[in-house]
Amino acid sequence: MNNSNQVSDMIFSSIRKLEHDELLLIEETLAAMECVLSAHQGGEHHEHHGHHYKVAYDPSCVDSHAILEKLKELGVEARMIGL
């Protein structure tokens, strides 16, 4: 990891409600990405019956689009929500 001491946060919302094992896989996969500092569930998103996830990352070596692409690889349809 780059030692730039920069941290950005993103929140994404899944389109559908995710099962417990899917949530664990997302958390483990995102947390294992280089330059991701943390990834954790942020509760349910009642409007779409999905879930929110908050991800802290170093923007000097990964960006939010790469994180969303990783979610797509996992089969999770998600979108960033306003920060």
Protein backbone atom coordinates (compact mmCIF):
# COMPACT_ATOMS: atom_id res chain seq x y z
CA MET A 1 0.00 0.00 0.00
CA ASN A 2 1.09 3.54 -0.72
CA ASN A 3 1.91 5.61 2.41
CA SER A 4 0.20 8.79 1.21
CA ASN A 5 -1.99 9.11 4.34
CA GLN A 6 -5.00 9.95 2.19
CA VAL A 7 -8.32 8.34 2.96
CA SER A 8 -11.55 8.60 1.02
CA ASP A 9 -14.89 7.03 1.81
CA MET A 10 -17.55 5.75 -0.50
CA ILE A 11 -20.93 4.27 0.23
CA PHE A 12 -22.57 1.90 -2.17
CA SER A 13 -26.03 0.45 -2.18
CA SER A 14 -26.91 -2.92 -3.62
CA ILE A 15 -29.97 -3.03 -5.82
CA ARG A 16 -31.33 -6.18 -4.21
CA LYS A 17 -31.33 -7.55 -0.69
CA LEU A 18 -28.20 -9.61 -0.17
CA GLU A 19 -27.99 -12.89 1.69
CA HIS A 20 -25.74 -13.24 4.75
CA ASP A 21 -23.08 -15.29 2.91
CA GLU A 22 -23.01 -12.71 0.08
CA LEU A 23 -22.48 -9.91 2.61
CA LEU A 24 -19.55 -11.75 4.17
CA LEU A 25 -18.00 -12.43 0.76
CA ILE A 26 -18.30 -8.75 -0.19
CA GLU A 27 -16.70 -7.61 3.04
CA GLU A 28 -13.82 -10.10 2.76
CA THR A 29 -13.22 -9.42 -0.93
CA LEU A 30 -13.22 -5.64 -0.63
CA ALA A 31 -11.09 -5.67 2.52
CA ALA A 32 -8.53 -7.82 0.68
CA MET A 33 -8.18 -5.30 -2.17
CA GLU A 34 -4.91 -3.42 -2.22
CA CYS A 35 -5.40 0.12 -0.85
CA VAL A 36 -8.78 -0.63 0.77
CA LEU A 37 -8.51 0.15 4.46
CA SER A 38 -11.92 -1.11 5.58
CA ALA A 39 -15.25 -2.32 4.24
CA HIS A 40 -18.31 -2.87 6.37
CA GLN A 41 -22.05 -3.12 6.09
CA GLY A 42 -23.92 0.05 6.92
CA GLY A 43 -27.46 -1.29 7.34
CA GLU A 44 -30.41 -1.90 5.09
CA HIS A 45 -31.54 0.42 2.34
CA HIS A 46 -35.29 0.12 2.73
CA GLU A 47 -36.30 1.86 -0.50
CA HIS A 48 -34.72 -0.86 -2.66
CA HIS A 49 -34.56 -3.64 -0.06
CA GLY A 50 -30.81 -3.79 -0.55
CA HIS A 51 -27.87 -2.97 1.69
CA HIS A 52 -25.42 -0.14 2.20
CA TYR A 53 -21.70 -0.72 2.48
CA LYS A 54 -19.09 1.84 3.51
CA VAL A 55 -15.59 1.48 2.09
CA ALA A 56 -12.54 3.49 3.21
CA TYR A 57 -9.67 3.50 0.72
CA ASP A 58 -6.52 5.30 -0.35
CA PRO A 59 -7.48 7.26 -3.49
CA SER A 60 -3.85 7.54 -4.59
CA CYS A 61 -3.76 3.85 -5.51
CA VAL A 62 -7.40 2.73 -6.05
CA ASP A 63 -10.56 4.56 -7.03
CA SER A 64 -14.25 4.05 -6.40
CA HIS A 65 -14.83 2.75 -9.93
CA ALA A 66 -12.35 -0.09 -9.37
CA ILE A 67 -14.23 -0.99 -6.19
CA LEU A 68 -17.53 -1.02 -8.06
CA GLU A 69 -15.97 -3.20 -10.76
CA LYS A 70 -14.91 -5.68 -8.08
CA LEU A 71 -18.53 -5.81 -6.90
CA LYS A 72 -19.67 -6.52 -10.45
CA GLU A 73 -17.17 -9.41 -10.59
CA LEU A 74 -18.94 -10.80 -7.50
CA GLY A 75 -22.29 -10.52 -9.26
CA VAL A 76 -23.50 -7.64 -7.11
CA GLU A 77 -25.37 -4.88 -8.87
CA ALA A 78 -24.63 -1.73 -6.89
CA ARG A 79 -24.33 2.00 -7.22
CA MET A 80 -22.50 4.70 -5.33
CA ILE A 81 -24.64 7.01 -3.27
CA GLY A 82 -23.91 10.67 -2.59
CA LEU A 83 -20.96 11.73 -0.52
